[in-house]
């Protein structure tokens, strides 16, 4: 293999790796994410929209899969403006106290916070776009957000139950 082909392959591999691991490298059609919980809480209070706090890490394959194919999915897209979104680095020391408060024990971890700051529920682990849309439909209804796009039904489980919402 000549040096030009090697350089091109290296550049392509480096670009692919950087797009996977950069916390801010979200899909173009995904929601707008805050990277600071306090700023996201302030935006939630100001807008009257509940907050979705997602704890993730660059090294976590399920986290990266959710970032790539769930949050920007056609099923979840109708909810982008119904919530304030925060994408938080689980490896950042500044997020440790919050992770303790929200009982984050695995990632990806998704917590739903009402406008008044009450934790509405949470789950850990990756889910498919249709399941995430179903969860968002339920959270939006519980938060007083009225009707949402139709999604498969199901019951919610509050934080601490050990199961998904």
N, C-alpha and C. Protein backbone atom coordinates (compact mmCIF):
# COMPACT_ATOMS: atom_id res chain seq x y z
N UNK A 1 0.85 -1.17 0.00
CA UNK A 1 0.00 0.00 0.00
C UNK A 1 0.90 1.23 0.00
N UNK A 2 0.63 2.16 -0.91
CA UNK A 2 1.49 3.35 -0.95
C UNK A 2 1.12 4.35 0.15
N UNK A 3 1.98 5.34 0.34
CA UNK A 3 1.82 6.28 1.44
C UNK A 3 0.55 7.12 1.30
N UNK A 4 0.12 7.45 0.09
CA UNK A 4 -1.08 8.26 -0.11
C UNK A 4 -2.33 7.50 0.31
N UNK A 5 -2.41 6.22 -0.02
CA UNK A 5 -3.56 5.41 0.37
C UNK A 5 -3.57 5.24 1.88
N UNK A 6 -2.41 5.00 2.49
CA UNK A 6 -2.33 4.87 3.95
C UNK A 6 -2.77 6.16 4.62
N UNK A 7 -2.32 7.29 4.10
CA UNK A 7 -2.70 8.58 4.68
C UNK A 7 -4.21 8.81 4.56
N UNK A 8 -4.78 8.46 3.42
CA UNK A 8 -6.23 8.63 3.22
C UNK A 8 -7.01 7.73 4.18
N UNK A 9 -6.58 6.48 4.33
CA UNK A 9 -7.24 5.57 5.25
C UNK A 9 -7.12 6.05 6.70
N UNK A 10 -5.94 6.54 7.06
CA UNK A 10 -5.74 7.06 8.41
C UNK A 10 -6.65 8.26 8.65
N UNK A 11 -6.73 9.16 7.69
CA UNK A 11 -7.58 10.35 7.83
C UNK A 11 -9.04 9.96 7.97
N UNK A 12 -9.50 9.01 7.16
CA UNK A 12 -10.90 8.56 7.24
C UNK A 12 -11.18 7.90 8.59
N UNK A 13 -10.26 7.07 9.05
CA UNK A 13 -10.44 6.40 10.35
C UNK A 13 -10.43 7.42 11.49
N UNK A 14 -9.55 8.39 11.42
CA UNK A 14 -9.49 9.43 12.45
C UNK A 14 -10.78 10.25 12.47
N UNK A 15 -11.29 10.61 11.31
CA UNK A 15 -12.54 11.36 11.23
C UNK A 15 -13.69 10.55 11.84
N UNK A 16 -13.77 9.26 11.52
CA UNK A 16 -14.83 8.41 12.06
C UNK A 16 -14.71 8.32 13.58
N UNK A 17 -13.51 8.16 14.09
CA UNK A 17 -13.31 8.07 15.53
C UNK A 17 -13.69 9.38 16.22
N UNK A 18 -13.27 10.50 15.68
CA UNK A 18 -13.57 11.80 16.29
C UNK A 18 -15.08 12.02 16.31
N UNK A 19 -15.80 11.66 15.24
CA UNK A 19 -17.25 11.87 15.24
C UNK A 19 -17.95 10.95 16.23
N UNK A 20 -17.34 9.85 16.58
CA UNK A 20 -17.94 8.96 17.58
C UNK A 20 -17.72 9.45 19.00
N UNK A 21 -16.56 10.00 19.29
CA UNK A 21 -16.22 10.26 20.68
C UNK A 21 -16.42 11.69 21.16
N UNK A 22 -16.50 12.63 20.28
CA UNK A 22 -16.70 14.00 20.76
C UNK A 22 -18.07 14.17 21.35
N UNK A 23 -18.18 14.65 22.61
CA UNK A 23 -19.48 14.80 23.24
C UNK A 23 -20.41 15.71 22.47
N UNK A 24 -19.89 16.75 21.84
CA UNK A 24 -20.74 17.68 21.11
C UNK A 24 -21.07 17.23 19.71
N UNK A 25 -20.52 16.10 19.29
CA UNK A 25 -20.72 15.66 17.91
C UNK A 25 -22.03 14.90 17.79
N UNK A 26 -23.12 15.60 17.84
CA UNK A 26 -24.44 14.99 17.74
C UNK A 26 -24.88 14.98 16.28
N UNK A 27 -25.80 14.11 15.98
CA UNK A 27 -26.37 14.08 14.64
C UNK A 27 -27.03 15.43 14.37
N UNK A 28 -26.91 15.88 13.14
CA UNK A 28 -27.41 17.20 12.76
C UNK A 28 -28.91 17.34 13.00
N UNK A 29 -29.65 16.26 12.89
CA UNK A 29 -31.10 16.35 13.05
C UNK A 29 -31.56 15.92 14.45
N UNK A 30 -30.63 15.86 15.39
CA UNK A 30 -30.98 15.51 16.76
C UNK A 30 -31.42 16.75 17.53
N UNK A 31 -31.82 16.55 18.79
CA UNK A 31 -32.22 17.70 19.61
C UNK A 31 -31.02 18.57 19.95
N UNK A 32 -31.28 19.78 20.40
CA UNK A 32 -30.22 20.66 20.88
C UNK A 32 -29.93 20.27 22.33
N UNK A 33 -28.66 19.95 22.59
CA UNK A 33 -28.26 19.49 23.91
C UNK A 33 -27.48 20.56 24.67
N UNK A 34 -27.79 20.71 25.95
CA UNK A 34 -26.96 21.47 26.88
C UNK A 34 -25.90 20.50 27.38
N UNK A 35 -24.72 21.01 27.74
CA UNK A 35 -23.70 20.14 28.32
C UNK A 35 -23.45 20.48 29.79
N UNK A 36 -24.37 21.26 30.37
CA UNK A 36 -24.28 21.66 31.77
C UNK A 36 -25.67 21.54 32.39
N UNK A 37 -25.76 20.76 33.46
CA UNK A 37 -27.06 20.50 34.07
C UNK A 37 -27.71 21.76 34.62
N UNK A 38 -26.94 22.61 35.30
CA UNK A 38 -27.52 23.82 35.88
C UNK A 38 -28.10 24.73 34.81
N UNK A 39 -27.41 24.87 33.70
CA UNK A 39 -27.93 25.69 32.60
C UNK A 39 -29.17 25.05 31.99
N UNK A 40 -29.17 23.73 31.89
CA UNK A 40 -30.35 23.03 31.36
C UNK A 40 -31.54 23.20 32.31
N UNK A 41 -31.31 23.13 33.62
CA UNK A 41 -32.38 23.34 34.61
C UNK A 41 -32.94 24.74 34.48
N UNK A 42 -32.08 25.73 34.33
CA UNK A 42 -32.53 27.12 34.16
C UNK A 42 -33.36 27.26 32.90
N UNK A 43 -32.93 26.62 31.81
CA UNK A 43 -33.70 26.66 30.56
C UNK A 43 -35.04 25.96 30.73
N UNK A 44 -35.07 24.88 31.50
CA UNK A 44 -36.32 24.17 31.77
C UNK A 44 -37.30 25.06 32.52
N UNK A 45 -36.81 25.72 33.57
CA UNK A 45 -37.65 26.63 34.35
C UNK A 45 -38.17 27.77 33.48
N UNK A 46 -37.29 28.36 32.70
CA UNK A 46 -37.64 29.51 31.88
C UNK A 46 -38.65 29.15 30.79
N UNK A 47 -38.48 27.97 30.19
CA UNK A 47 -39.34 27.57 29.07
C UNK A 47 -40.60 26.85 29.51
N UNK A 48 -40.59 26.32 30.75
CA UNK A 48 -41.73 25.53 31.20
C UNK A 48 -41.76 24.13 30.62
N UNK A 49 -40.63 23.68 30.07
CA UNK A 49 -40.53 22.33 29.51
C UNK A 49 -39.73 21.44 30.45
N UNK A 50 -40.16 20.17 30.61
CA UNK A 50 -39.37 19.25 31.44
C UNK A 50 -37.99 19.00 30.83
N UNK A 51 -37.11 18.49 31.66
CA UNK A 51 -35.72 18.26 31.29
C UNK A 51 -35.44 16.77 31.14
N UNK A 52 -34.69 16.45 30.10
CA UNK A 52 -34.17 15.09 29.92
C UNK A 52 -32.66 15.20 30.13
N UNK A 53 -32.15 14.54 31.17
CA UNK A 53 -30.71 14.52 31.45
C UNK A 53 -30.17 13.15 31.07
N UNK A 54 -29.28 13.14 30.10
CA UNK A 54 -28.71 11.89 29.59
C UNK A 54 -27.24 11.82 30.02
N UNK A 55 -26.90 10.80 30.79
CA UNK A 55 -25.52 10.59 31.20
C UNK A 55 -24.91 9.56 30.26
N UNK A 56 -23.76 9.90 29.72
CA UNK A 56 -23.15 9.11 28.66
C UNK A 56 -21.63 9.19 28.78
N UNK A 57 -20.95 8.44 27.93
CA UNK A 57 -19.48 8.52 27.85
C UNK A 57 -19.05 8.16 26.44
N UNK A 58 -17.94 8.72 26.04
CA UNK A 58 -17.44 8.49 24.69
C UNK A 58 -17.05 7.03 24.45
N UNK A 59 -16.68 6.31 25.49
CA UNK A 59 -16.23 4.93 25.36
C UNK A 59 -17.37 3.91 25.43
N UNK A 60 -18.60 4.38 25.62
CA UNK A 60 -19.76 3.51 25.84
C UNK A 60 -20.50 3.23 24.52
N UNK A 61 -20.37 2.02 23.95
CA UNK A 61 -21.04 1.73 22.67
C UNK A 61 -22.56 1.93 22.71
N UNK A 62 -23.30 1.48 23.74
CA UNK A 62 -24.75 1.74 23.72
C UNK A 62 -25.07 3.24 23.77
N UNK A 63 -24.25 4.02 24.48
CA UNK A 63 -24.46 5.47 24.54
C UNK A 63 -24.29 6.08 23.15
N UNK A 64 -23.25 5.65 22.45
CA UNK A 64 -22.99 6.19 21.12
C UNK A 64 -24.07 5.77 20.13
N UNK A 65 -24.59 4.56 20.29
CA UNK A 65 -25.67 4.10 19.41
C UNK A 65 -26.94 4.93 19.64
N UNK A 66 -27.25 5.21 20.90
CA UNK A 66 -28.42 6.05 21.21
C UNK A 66 -28.24 7.44 20.59
N UNK A 67 -27.04 7.99 20.75
CA UNK A 67 -26.75 9.33 20.22
C UNK A 67 -26.89 9.35 18.70
N UNK A 68 -26.47 8.29 18.07
CA UNK A 68 -26.46 8.23 16.61
C UNK A 68 -27.83 7.90 16.02
N UNK A 69 -28.57 6.98 16.64
CA UNK A 69 -29.77 6.51 15.96
C UNK A 69 -31.08 6.66 16.72
N UNK A 70 -31.04 7.01 18.01
CA UNK A 70 -32.29 7.13 18.76
C UNK A 70 -32.71 8.59 18.89
N UNK A 71 -31.86 9.44 19.47
CA UNK A 71 -32.25 10.83 19.71
C UNK A 71 -32.60 11.57 18.41
N UNK A 72 -31.89 11.33 17.29
CA UNK A 72 -32.28 12.02 16.05
C UNK A 72 -33.31 11.26 15.20
N UNK A 73 -33.83 10.16 15.70
CA UNK A 73 -34.73 9.31 14.90
C UNK A 73 -36.05 10.01 14.57
N UNK A 74 -36.71 9.52 13.54
CA UNK A 74 -38.01 10.10 13.15
C UNK A 74 -39.05 9.90 14.24
N UNK A 75 -38.91 8.84 15.03
CA UNK A 75 -39.86 8.58 16.11
C UNK A 75 -39.69 9.59 17.26
N UNK A 76 -38.46 10.01 17.51
CA UNK A 76 -38.16 10.91 18.63
C UNK A 76 -38.19 12.38 18.21
N UNK A 77 -37.98 12.65 16.95
CA UNK A 77 -37.93 14.03 16.45
C UNK A 77 -39.11 14.89 16.90
N UNK A 78 -40.35 14.39 16.93
CA UNK A 78 -41.47 15.24 17.37
C UNK A 78 -41.34 15.73 18.82
N UNK A 79 -40.44 15.14 19.59
CA UNK A 79 -40.27 15.51 21.00
C UNK A 79 -39.10 16.47 21.23
N UNK A 80 -38.35 16.77 20.20
CA UNK A 80 -37.17 17.61 20.37
C UNK A 80 -37.50 18.94 21.05
N UNK A 81 -38.59 19.57 20.66
CA UNK A 81 -38.93 20.88 21.21
C UNK A 81 -39.85 20.79 22.43
N UNK A 82 -40.27 19.61 22.82
CA UNK A 82 -41.15 19.44 23.97
C UNK A 82 -40.37 19.36 25.28
N UNK A 83 -39.06 19.17 25.18
CA UNK A 83 -38.21 18.99 26.35
C UNK A 83 -36.98 19.87 26.23
N UNK A 84 -36.32 20.11 27.35
CA UNK A 84 -34.97 20.65 27.37
C UNK A 84 -34.08 19.43 27.51
N UNK A 85 -33.05 19.35 26.68
CA UNK A 85 -32.18 18.17 26.63
C UNK A 85 -30.80 18.51 27.18
N UNK A 86 -30.25 17.64 28.02
CA UNK A 86 -28.88 17.78 28.52
C UNK A 86 -28.15 16.48 28.26
N UNK A 87 -26.98 16.57 27.65
CA UNK A 87 -26.14 15.42 27.38
C UNK A 87 -24.89 15.60 28.25
N UNK A 88 -24.75 14.77 29.28
CA UNK A 88 -23.75 14.98 30.31
C UNK A 88 -22.73 13.86 30.35
N UNK A 89 -21.47 14.24 30.46
CA UNK A 89 -20.36 13.30 30.47
C UNK A 89 -20.27 12.60 31.83
N UNK A 90 -20.49 11.31 31.83
CA UNK A 90 -20.45 10.52 33.07
C UNK A 90 -19.04 10.45 33.65
N UNK A 91 -18.03 10.74 32.86
CA UNK A 91 -16.66 10.70 33.34
C UNK A 91 -16.19 12.03 33.92
N UNK A 92 -16.98 13.09 33.79
CA UNK A 92 -16.58 14.40 34.29
C UNK A 92 -16.79 14.48 35.80
N UNK A 93 -15.74 14.86 36.52
CA UNK A 93 -15.82 14.99 37.98
C UNK A 93 -16.93 15.94 38.39
N UNK A 94 -17.15 16.99 37.61
CA UNK A 94 -18.17 17.98 37.96
C UNK A 94 -19.58 17.38 37.97
N UNK A 95 -19.77 16.27 37.28
CA UNK A 95 -21.09 15.63 37.23
C UNK A 95 -21.28 14.56 38.30
N UNK A 96 -20.23 14.23 39.06
CA UNK A 96 -20.31 13.16 40.08
C UNK A 96 -21.39 13.41 41.13
N UNK A 97 -21.47 14.61 41.73
CA UNK A 97 -22.51 14.82 42.75
C UNK A 97 -23.92 14.66 42.17
N UNK A 98 -24.13 15.15 40.98
CA UNK A 98 -25.43 15.01 40.32
C UNK A 98 -25.74 13.55 40.03
N UNK A 99 -24.73 12.80 39.61
CA UNK A 99 -24.93 11.38 39.33
C UNK A 99 -25.30 10.63 40.61
N UNK A 100 -24.70 11.02 41.72
CA UNK A 100 -25.06 10.41 43.01
C UNK A 100 -26.50 10.75 43.36
N UNK A 101 -26.84 12.03 43.23
CA UNK A 101 -28.20 12.49 43.54
C UNK A 101 -29.25 11.76 42.69
N UNK A 102 -28.94 11.54 41.41
CA UNK A 102 -29.89 10.90 40.50
C UNK A 102 -29.74 9.38 40.47
N UNK A 103 -28.87 8.85 41.31
CA UNK A 103 -28.66 7.41 41.44
C UNK A 103 -28.25 6.75 40.11
N UNK A 104 -27.32 7.40 39.42
CA UNK A 104 -26.81 6.86 38.17
C UNK A 104 -25.87 5.71 38.50
N UNK A 105 -26.22 4.51 38.06
CA UNK A 105 -25.37 3.36 38.34
C UNK A 105 -24.86 2.69 37.07
N UNK A 106 -25.38 3.09 35.93
CA UNK A 106 -24.95 2.55 34.65
C UNK A 106 -25.29 3.55 33.57
N UNK A 107 -24.63 3.42 32.44
CA UNK A 107 -24.90 4.33 31.32
C UNK A 107 -25.17 3.53 30.07
N UNK A 108 -25.91 4.09 29.14
CA UNK A 108 -26.55 5.39 29.23
C UNK A 108 -27.62 5.40 30.32
N UNK A 109 -27.73 6.54 30.99
CA UNK A 109 -28.73 6.74 32.03
C UNK A 109 -29.53 7.98 31.63
N UNK A 110 -30.84 7.84 31.57
CA UNK A 110 -31.72 8.92 31.16
C UNK A 110 -32.63 9.25 32.34
N UNK A 111 -32.57 10.51 32.80
CA UNK A 111 -33.41 10.96 33.91
C UNK A 111 -34.36 12.04 33.40
N UNK A 112 -35.59 12.00 33.89
CA UNK A 112 -36.61 12.97 33.51
C UNK A 112 -36.89 13.86 34.72
N UNK A 113 -36.73 15.17 34.53
CA UNK A 113 -36.85 16.13 35.62
C UNK A 113 -37.97 17.12 35.27
N UNK A 114 -38.95 17.22 36.17
CA UNK A 114 -40.06 18.14 35.97
C UNK A 114 -39.55 19.58 36.08
N UNK A 115 -40.35 20.51 35.61
CA UNK A 115 -39.98 21.93 35.66
C UNK A 115 -39.70 22.38 37.08
N UNK A 116 -40.40 21.81 38.05
CA UNK A 116 -40.19 22.20 39.46
C UNK A 116 -38.98 21.50 40.09
N UNK A 117 -38.26 20.69 39.31
CA UNK A 117 -37.05 20.03 39.80
C UNK A 117 -37.26 18.63 40.33
N UNK A 118 -38.51 18.18 40.43
CA UNK A 118 -38.79 16.82 40.91
C UNK A 118 -38.35 15.79 39.86
N UNK A 119 -37.74 14.71 40.32
CA UNK A 119 -37.36 13.63 39.42
C UNK A 119 -38.61 12.83 39.10
N UNK A 120 -38.95 12.77 37.83
CA UNK A 120 -40.15 12.06 37.38
C UNK A 120 -39.89 10.57 37.17
N UNK A 121 -38.65 10.22 36.92
CA UNK A 121 -38.29 8.84 36.67
C UNK A 121 -36.99 8.77 35.90
N UNK A 122 -36.50 7.58 35.69
CA UNK A 122 -35.26 7.39 34.96
C UNK A 122 -35.13 5.94 34.52
N UNK A 123 -34.20 5.70 33.64
CA UNK A 123 -33.86 4.33 33.26
C UNK A 123 -32.41 4.29 32.81
N UNK A 124 -31.84 3.11 32.86
CA UNK A 124 -30.48 2.90 32.39
C UNK A 124 -30.52 1.87 31.28
N UNK A 125 -29.67 2.05 30.29
CA UNK A 125 -29.58 1.11 29.19
C UNK A 125 -30.12 1.70 27.90
N UNK A 126 -29.76 1.08 26.82
CA UNK A 126 -30.19 1.53 25.51
C UNK A 126 -31.58 1.00 25.19
N UNK A 127 -32.34 1.81 24.46
CA UNK A 127 -33.66 1.40 23.98
C UNK A 127 -33.77 1.79 22.51
N UNK A 128 -34.70 1.16 21.83
CA UNK A 128 -34.96 1.45 20.42
C UNK A 128 -35.72 2.77 20.30
N UNK A 129 -35.67 3.40 19.14
CA UNK A 129 -36.38 4.67 18.94
C UNK A 129 -37.87 4.59 19.28
N UNK A 130 -38.56 3.52 18.90
CA UNK A 130 -39.99 3.42 19.19
C UNK A 130 -40.25 3.35 20.69
N UNK A 131 -39.42 2.65 21.41
CA UNK A 131 -39.57 2.55 22.87
C UNK A 131 -39.28 3.90 23.52
N UNK A 132 -38.24 4.59 23.06
CA UNK A 132 -37.92 5.89 23.63
C UNK A 132 -39.05 6.89 23.35
N UNK A 133 -39.62 6.84 22.17
CA UNK A 133 -40.75 7.72 21.84
C UNK A 133 -41.95 7.40 22.74
N UNK A 134 -42.19 6.12 23.01
CA UNK A 134 -43.28 5.73 23.92
C UNK A 134 -43.05 6.31 25.31
N UNK A 135 -41.81 6.20 25.79
CA UNK A 135 -41.46 6.74 27.10
C UNK A 135 -41.66 8.26 27.12
N UNK A 136 -41.21 8.94 26.08
CA UNK A 136 -41.35 10.40 26.02
C UNK A 136 -42.82 10.81 25.98
N UNK A 137 -43.65 10.03 25.28
CA UNK A 137 -45.08 10.32 25.25
C UNK A 137 -45.64 10.30 26.66
N UNK A 138 -45.27 9.28 27.41
CA UNK A 138 -45.76 9.12 28.78
C UNK A 138 -45.23 10.22 29.69
N UNK A 139 -43.94 10.53 29.59
CA UNK A 139 -43.35 11.57 30.43
C UNK A 139 -44.00 12.91 30.13
N UNK A 140 -44.20 13.20 28.87
CA UNK A 140 -44.82 14.47 28.49
C UNK A 140 -46.24 14.57 29.07
N UNK A 141 -46.98 13.49 29.00
CA UNK A 141 -48.35 13.48 29.56
C UNK A 141 -48.31 13.67 31.08
N UNK A 142 -47.39 13.00 31.75
CA UNK A 142 -47.27 13.12 33.21
C UNK A 142 -46.84 14.52 33.62
N UNK A 143 -46.07 15.19 32.75
CA UNK A 143 -45.59 16.53 33.07
C UNK A 143 -46.62 17.59 32.73
N UNK A 144 -47.77 17.15 32.22
CA UNK A 144 -48.82 18.12 31.87
C UNK A 144 -48.64 18.70 30.49
N UNK A 145 -47.92 17.97 29.64
CA UNK A 145 -47.65 18.46 28.30
C UNK A 145 -48.73 18.14 27.30
N UNK A 146 -49.84 17.64 27.76
CA UNK A 146 -50.94 17.36 26.83
C UNK A 146 -50.67 16.15 25.97
N UNK A 147 -51.25 16.14 24.80
CA UNK A 147 -51.11 15.00 23.92
C UNK A 147 -49.79 15.06 23.19
N UNK A 148 -49.33 13.90 22.80
CA UNK A 148 -48.07 13.79 22.06
C UNK A 148 -48.31 12.87 20.89
N UNK A 149 -47.34 12.76 19.99
CA UNK A 149 -47.50 11.85 18.86
C UNK A 149 -47.82 10.44 19.33
N UNK A 150 -48.63 9.73 18.58
CA UNK A 150 -49.03 8.38 18.96
C UNK A 150 -47.82 7.47 19.04
N UNK A 151 -47.76 6.69 20.10
CA UNK A 151 -46.71 5.70 20.30
C UNK A 151 -47.32 4.49 20.97
N UNK A 152 -46.63 3.36 20.92
CA UNK A 152 -47.15 2.18 21.59
C UNK A 152 -47.39 2.45 23.07
N UNK A 153 -48.44 1.89 23.64
CA UNK A 153 -48.77 2.11 25.05
C UNK A 153 -47.90 1.31 25.98
N UNK A 154 -48.11 1.52 27.26
CA UNK A 154 -47.36 0.80 28.27
C UNK A 154 -47.41 1.57 29.56
N UNK A 155 -47.03 0.93 30.64
CA UNK A 155 -47.08 1.60 31.93
C UNK A 155 -45.70 2.08 32.32
N UNK A 156 -45.67 3.11 33.15
CA UNK A 156 -44.41 3.69 33.58
C UNK A 156 -43.99 3.09 34.91
N UNK A 157 -42.71 3.07 35.12
CA UNK A 157 -42.16 2.66 36.39
C UNK A 157 -41.31 3.80 36.89
N UNK A 158 -41.53 4.24 38.10
CA UNK A 158 -40.78 5.37 38.66
C UNK A 158 -39.37 4.96 39.00
N UNK A 159 -38.51 5.98 39.15
CA UNK A 159 -37.12 5.77 39.50
C UNK A 159 -37.02 4.90 40.74
N UNK A 160 -36.01 4.05 40.73
CA UNK A 160 -35.75 3.23 41.89
C UNK A 160 -36.38 1.87 41.81
N UNK A 161 -37.17 1.61 40.80
CA UNK A 161 -37.83 0.32 40.70
C UNK A 161 -36.95 -0.73 40.03
N UNK A 162 -35.88 -0.27 39.40
CA UNK A 162 -35.00 -1.21 38.73
C UNK A 162 -35.45 -1.56 37.33
N UNK A 163 -36.49 -0.93 36.83
CA UNK A 163 -36.90 -1.19 35.46
C UNK A 163 -37.08 0.09 34.70
N UNK A 164 -37.23 -0.06 33.40
CA UNK A 164 -37.39 1.11 32.55
C UNK A 164 -38.71 1.77 32.81
N UNK A 165 -38.78 3.05 32.51
CA UNK A 165 -40.04 3.80 32.65
C UNK A 165 -41.11 3.10 31.91
